Amino acid sequence: MGFGRFRSGRGGLSLAEVLVAIVILSVVLLSLIAVLGSSLKSDRKAFLMSGAANLADSELDRLLQSVKSDQPAGTRAQFWDSDHPSSGEPLRSGQVTVSHIQYSFAIYCQTVLDTSGTPVGDPNHRLKQVDIVVDWYRSTTAKLGQGETTYRQRRLFSEVNVDSEPDD
């Protein structure tokens, strides 16, 4: 029939062909495993970042509610009359542990100033920039390259809106 190597009547693959197929299959499988590992790491980071964002939203809402209701007494005056820049002591800080993840947060606030250094608005209509920094560390993992990560969020609070909004 003229098919070259099949003339002897023996079918099958040579050892070299089998080895090449195994090498190609190994490369494909290792690539898939690497992509899967990277995907799982990205999913985990997104999960942790989502937890930090939820904590930030919750704590900023809690701060806003405290300022609006002036609870504990003096909270409104402390918030509007003093600054707590990110280079100093935070206005509030704390820690929360969720599913072996320890989140720490610090809230800083600062009066918004115009280019001449004067507070924006008049004395009864001030504007505050509020920053929250959330750090977390997976307490059960101490591997190199893992551990602490940071999420930051910023909001502007207007004295007129904060003090005039109805309580929920």
C-alpha atoms as a PDB file:
ATOM      1  CA  MET A   1       0.000   0.000   0.000  1.00  0.00           C
ATOM      2  CA  GLY A   2       2.909   2.410   0.317  1.00  0.00           C
ATOM      3  CA  PHE A   3       2.320   3.926   3.773  1.00  0.00           C
ATOM      4  CA  GLY A   4       5.964   3.843   4.822  1.00  0.00           C
ATOM      5  CA  ARG A   5       6.332   2.654   8.371  1.00  0.00           C
ATOM      6  CA  PHE A   6       3.118   0.604   8.499  1.00  0.00           C
ATOM      7  CA  ARG A   7       4.351  -1.860   5.856  1.00  0.00           C
ATOM      8  CA  SER A   8       5.540  -4.289   8.454  1.00  0.00           C
ATOM      9  CA  GLY A   9       1.977  -4.744   9.671  1.00  0.00           C
ATOM     10  CA  ARG A  10       2.706  -3.437  13.180  1.00  0.00           C
ATOM     11  CA  GLY A  11       0.593  -0.447  14.291  1.00  0.00           C
ATOM     12  CA  GLY A  12       1.099   1.971  17.184  1.00  0.00           C
ATOM     13  CA  LEU A  13       3.234   4.889  18.217  1.00  0.00           C
ATOM     14  CA  SER A  14       6.953   5.053  18.685  1.00  0.00           C
ATOM     15  CA  LEU A  15       8.507   5.782  22.071  1.00  0.00           C
ATOM     16  CA  ALA A  16       9.564   9.258  20.898  1.00  0.00           C
ATOM     17  CA  GLU A  17       5.993  10.136  19.908  1.00  0.00           C
ATOM     18  CA  VAL A  18       4.664   8.998  23.274  1.00  0.00           C
ATOM     19  CA  LEU A  19       7.282  11.063  25.129  1.00  0.00           C
ATOM     20  CA  VAL A  20       6.498  14.188  23.074  1.00  0.00           C
ATOM     21  CA  ALA A  21       2.781  13.733  23.791  1.00  0.00           C
ATOM     22  CA  ILE A  22       3.468  13.366  27.541  1.00  0.00           C
ATOM     23  CA  VAL A  23       5.628  16.534  27.567  1.00  0.00           C
ATOM     24  CA  ILE A  24       2.956  18.540  25.730  1.00  0.00           C
ATOM     25  CA  LEU A  25       0.221  17.262  28.041  1.00  0.00           C
ATOM     26  CA  SER A  26       2.363  18.091  31.108  1.00  0.00           C
ATOM     27  CA  VAL A  27       2.980  21.643  29.915  1.00  0.00           C
ATOM     28  CA  VAL A  28      -0.745  22.174  29.287  1.00  0.00           C
ATOM     29  CA  LEU A  29      -1.728  20.744  32.695  1.00  0.00           C
ATOM     30  CA  LEU A  30       0.895  22.784  34.575  1.00  0.00           C
ATOM     31  CA  SER A  31      -0.280  25.937  32.802  1.00  0.00           C
ATOM     32  CA  LEU A  32      -3.876  25.221  33.792  1.00  0.00           C
ATOM     33  CA  ILE A  33      -2.867  24.628  37.405  1.00  0.00           C
ATOM     34  CA  ALA A  34      -0.954  27.934  37.469  1.00  0.00           C
ATOM     35  CA  VAL A  35      -3.963  29.821  36.059  1.00  0.00           C
ATOM     36  CA  LEU A  36      -6.269  28.157  38.583  1.00  0.00           C
ATOM     37  CA  GLY A  37      -3.955  29.094  41.475  1.00  0.00           C
ATOM     38  CA  SER A  38      -3.764  32.688  40.301  1.00  0.00           C
ATOM     39  CA  SER A  39      -7.541  32.818  39.955  1.00  0.00           C
ATOM     40  CA  LEU A  40      -8.068  31.500  43.483  1.00  0.00           C
ATOM     41  CA  LYS A  41      -5.621  34.068  44.867  1.00  0.00           C
ATOM     42  CA  SER A  42      -7.458  36.879  43.050  1.00  0.00           C
ATOM     43  CA  ASP A  43     -10.813  35.620  44.351  1.00  0.00           C
ATOM     44  CA  ARG A  44      -9.456  35.549  47.906  1.00  0.00           C
ATOM     45  CA  LYS A  45      -8.110  39.090  47.605  1.00  0.00           C
ATOM     46  CA  ALA A  46     -11.452  40.309  46.237  1.00  0.00           C
ATOM     47  CA  PHE A  47     -13.239  38.616  49.159  1.00  0.00           C
ATOM     48  CA  LEU A  48     -10.951  40.312  51.696  1.00  0.00           C
ATOM     49  CA  MET A  49     -11.222  43.677  49.937  1.00  0.00           C
ATOM     50  CA  SER A  50     -15.019  43.366  49.961  1.00  0.00           C
ATOM     51  CA  GLY A  51     -14.963  42.690  53.709  1.00  0.00           C
ATOM     52  CA  ALA A  52     -12.777  45.749  54.256  1.00  0.00           C
ATOM     53  CA  ALA A  53     -15.078  47.926  52.117  1.00  0.00           C
ATOM     54  CA  ASN A  54     -18.108  46.729  54.079  1.00  0.00           C
ATOM     55  CA  LEU A  55     -16.359  47.496  57.371  1.00  0.00           C
ATOM     56  CA  ALA A  56     -15.380  50.965  56.107  1.00  0.00           C
ATOM     57  CA  ASP A  57     -18.940  51.747  55.026  1.00  0.00           C
ATOM     58  CA  SER A  58     -20.337  50.486  58.308  1.00  0.00           C
ATOM     59  CA  GLU A  59     -17.917  52.489  60.463  1.00  0.00           C
ATOM     60  CA  LEU A  60     -18.400  55.694  58.437  1.00  0.00           C
ATOM     61  CA  ASP A  61     -22.176  55.297  58.702  1.00  0.00           C
ATOM     62  CA  ARG A  62     -21.817  54.711  62.450  1.00  0.00           C
ATOM     63  CA  LEU A  63     -19.688  57.886  62.742  1.00  0.00           C
ATOM     64  CA  LEU A  64     -22.224  59.903  60.746  1.00  0.00           C
ATOM     65  CA  GLN A  65     -25.050  58.635  62.953  1.00  0.00           C
ATOM     66  CA  SER A  66     -23.080  59.518  66.116  1.00  0.00           C
ATOM     67  CA  VAL A  67     -22.393  63.033  64.839  1.00  0.00           C
ATOM     68  CA  LYS A  68     -26.029  63.556  63.818  1.00  0.00           C
ATOM     69  CA  SER A  69     -27.418  62.327  67.134  1.00  0.00           C
ATOM     70  CA  ASP A  70     -24.553  63.790  69.223  1.00  0.00           C
ATOM     71  CA  GLN A  71     -24.227  60.443  71.018  1.00  0.00           C
ATOM     72  CA  PRO A  72     -22.277  60.153  73.146  1.00  0.00           C
ATOM     73  CA  ALA A  73     -22.715  63.776  74.156  1.00  0.00           C
ATOM     74  CA  GLY A  74     -20.042  66.022  72.658  1.00  0.00           C
ATOM     75  CA  THR A  75     -19.457  63.892  69.561  1.00  0.00           C
ATOM     76  CA  ARG A  76     -20.807  66.585  67.211  1.00  0.00           C
ATOM     77  CA  ALA A  77     -18.593  69.309  68.698  1.00  0.00           C
ATOM     78  CA  GLN A  78     -15.532  67.040  68.729  1.00  0.00           C
ATOM     79  CA  PHE A  79     -16.071  66.139  65.083  1.00  0.00           C
ATOM     80  CA  TRP A  80     -16.676  69.664  63.741  1.00  0.00           C
ATOM     81  CA  ASP A  81     -14.333  71.629  66.032  1.00  0.00           C
ATOM     82  CA  SER A  82     -11.164  69.529  65.854  1.00  0.00           C
ATOM     83  CA  ASP A  83      -9.075  67.947  63.121  1.00  0.00           C
ATOM     84  CA  HIS A  84      -7.540  64.499  63.218  1.00  0.00           C
ATOM     85  CA  PRO A  85      -5.257  64.395  60.173  1.00  0.00           C
ATOM     86  CA  SER A  86      -3.902  61.066  58.952  1.00  0.00           C
ATOM     87  CA  SER A  87      -0.468  62.017  60.241  1.00  0.00           C
ATOM     88  CA  GLY A  88      -1.769  62.128  63.835  1.00  0.00           C
ATOM     89  CA  GLU A  89      -4.131  60.407  66.238  1.00  0.00           C
ATOM     90  CA  PRO A  90      -7.282  59.028  64.619  1.00  0.00           C
ATOM     91  CA  LEU A  91     -10.717  60.277  65.617  1.00  0.00           C
ATOM     92  CA  ARG A  92     -11.779  56.647  66.071  1.00  0.00           C
ATOM     93  CA  SER A  93     -10.091  53.284  65.744  1.00  0.00           C
ATOM     94  CA  GLY A  94     -10.857  49.673  66.492  1.00  0.00           C
ATOM     95  CA  GLN A  95     -10.525  46.027  65.527  1.00  0.00           C
ATOM     96  CA  VAL A  96     -12.970  43.443  64.246  1.00  0.00           C
ATOM     97  CA  THR A  97     -12.278  39.739  63.587  1.00  0.00           C
ATOM     98  CA  VAL A  98     -14.357  37.907  60.991  1.00  0.00           C
ATOM     99  CA  SER A  99     -13.580  34.300  59.930  1.00  0.00           C
ATOM    100  CA  HIS A 100      -9.994  34.385  61.220  1.00  0.00           C
ATOM    101  CA  ILE A 101      -9.380  37.716  59.458  1.00  0.00           C
ATOM    102  CA  GLN A 102      -8.430  40.522  61.816  1.00  0.00           C
ATOM    103  CA  TYR A 103      -9.499  43.921  60.465  1.00  0.00           C
ATOM    104  CA  SER A 104      -8.202  47.116  62.079  1.00  0.00           C
ATOM    105  CA  PHE A 105      -9.574  50.528  61.187  1.00  0.00           C
ATOM    106  CA  ALA A 106      -8.696  54.147  61.877  1.00  0.00           C
ATOM    107  CA  ILE A 107     -10.864  57.158  61.006  1.00  0.00           C
ATOM    108  CA  TYR A 108      -9.264  60.535  60.376  1.00  0.00           C
ATOM    109  CA  CYS A 109     -11.030  63.817  59.666  1.00  0.00           C
ATOM    110  CA  GLN A 110      -9.874  67.217  58.573  1.00  0.00           C
ATOM    111  CA  THR A 111     -11.593  70.497  57.750  1.00  0.00           C
ATOM    112  CA  VAL A 112     -11.476  71.201  54.021  1.00  0.00           C
ATOM    113  CA  LEU A 113      -9.493  74.366  53.279  1.00  0.00           C
ATOM    114  CA  ASP A 114      -9.414  76.549  50.194  1.00  0.00           C
ATOM    115  CA  THR A 115      -6.171  77.519  48.464  1.00  0.00           C
ATOM    116  CA  SER A 116      -5.554  80.366  50.925  1.00  0.00           C
ATOM    117  CA  GLY A 117      -5.862  78.030  53.930  1.00  0.00           C
ATOM    118  CA  THR A 118      -9.301  79.277  54.961  1.00  0.00           C
ATOM    119  CA  PRO A 119     -11.995  76.715  55.835  1.00  0.00           C
ATOM    120  CA  VAL A 120     -14.458  76.174  53.003  1.00  0.00           C
ATOM    121  CA  GLY A 121     -17.915  77.547  53.874  1.00  0.00           C
ATOM    122  CA  ASP A 122     -18.886  79.722  56.806  1.00  0.00           C
ATOM    123  CA  PRO A 123     -18.553  78.714  60.487  1.00  0.00           C
ATOM    124  CA  ASN A 124     -21.981  77.029  60.479  1.00  0.00           C
ATOM    125  CA  HIS A 125     -21.564  75.267  57.130  1.00  0.00           C
ATOM    126  CA  ARG A 126     -18.209  73.535  57.360  1.00  0.00           C
ATOM    127  CA  LEU A 127     -16.965  70.727  55.163  1.00  0.00           C
ATOM    128  CA  LYS A 128     -14.980  67.776  56.570  1.00  0.00           C
ATOM    129  CA  GLN A 129     -12.896  65.278  54.673  1.00  0.00           C
ATOM    130  CA  VAL A 130     -13.168  61.905  56.405  1.00  0.00           C
ATOM    131  CA  ASP A 131     -10.719  59.115  55.619  1.00  0.00           C
ATOM    132  CA  ILE A 132     -10.911  55.568  56.883  1.00  0.00           C
ATOM    133  CA  VAL A 133      -7.998  53.164  56.615  1.00  0.00           C
ATOM    134  CA  VAL A 134      -8.741  49.459  57.044  1.00  0.00           C
ATOM    135  CA  ASP A 135      -5.868  47.005  57.444  1.00  0.00           C
ATOM    136  CA  TRP A 136      -6.215  43.262  57.745  1.00  0.00           C
ATOM    137  CA  TYR A 137      -4.081  40.287  58.472  1.00  0.00           C
ATOM    138  CA  ARG A 138      -5.009  36.647  58.188  1.00  0.00           C
ATOM    139  CA  SER A 139      -4.016  35.454  61.634  1.00  0.00           C
ATOM    140  CA  THR A 140      -3.728  31.775  60.642  1.00  0.00           C
ATOM    141  CA  THR A 141      -1.273  32.458  57.803  1.00  0.00           C
ATOM    142  CA  ALA A 142       2.284  33.580  58.300  1.00  0.00           C
ATOM    143  CA  LYS A 143       3.675  32.894  54.831  1.00  0.00           C
ATOM    144  CA  LEU A 144       6.029  35.234  53.057  1.00  0.00           C
ATOM    145  CA  GLY A 145       4.125  37.465  50.639  1.00  0.00           C
ATOM    146  CA  GLN A 146       0.845  37.126  52.515  1.00  0.00           C
ATOM    147  CA  GLY A 147      -0.504  38.952  55.475  1.00  0.00           C
ATOM    148  CA  GLU A 148      -1.318  42.592  55.917  1.00  0.00           C
ATOM    149  CA  THR A 149      -3.153  44.571  53.254  1.00  0.00           C
ATOM    150  CA  THR A 150      -4.825  48.013  53.260  1.00  0.00           C
ATOM    151  CA  TYR A 151      -8.093  49.503  51.975  1.00  0.00           C
ATOM    152  CA  ARG A 152      -8.772  53.266  52.022  1.00  0.00           C
ATOM    153  CA  GLN A 153     -11.990  55.223  51.562  1.00  0.00           C
ATOM    154  CA  ARG A 154     -12.710  58.958  51.621  1.00  0.00           C
ATOM    155  CA  ARG A 155     -15.967  60.859  52.118  1.00  0.00           C
ATOM    156  CA  LEU A 156     -16.887  64.497  52.443  1.00  0.00           C
ATOM    157  CA  PHE A 157     -19.328  65.462  55.196  1.00  0.00           C
ATOM    158  CA  SER A 158     -21.172  68.772  54.988  1.00  0.00           C
ATOM    159  CA  GLU A 159     -22.232  70.257  58.317  1.00  0.00           C
ATOM    160  CA  VAL A 160     -25.513  71.459  56.830  1.00  0.00           C
ATOM    161  CA  ASN A 161     -26.428  68.037  55.407  1.00  0.00           C
ATOM    162  CA  VAL A 162     -25.240  66.013  58.385  1.00  0.00           C
ATOM    163  CA  ASP A 163     -27.034  68.121  60.981  1.00  0.00           C
ATOM    164  CA  SER A 164     -30.252  68.547  58.943  1.00  0.00           C
ATOM    165  CA  GLU A 165     -30.770  64.961  57.729  1.00  0.00           C
ATOM    166  CA  PRO A 166     -33.436  63.046  59.651  1.00  0.00           C
ATOM    167  CA  ASP A 167     -32.252  60.112  61.739  1.00  0.00           C
ATOM    168  CA  ASP A 168     -32.997  56.679  60.284  1.00  0.00           C
END
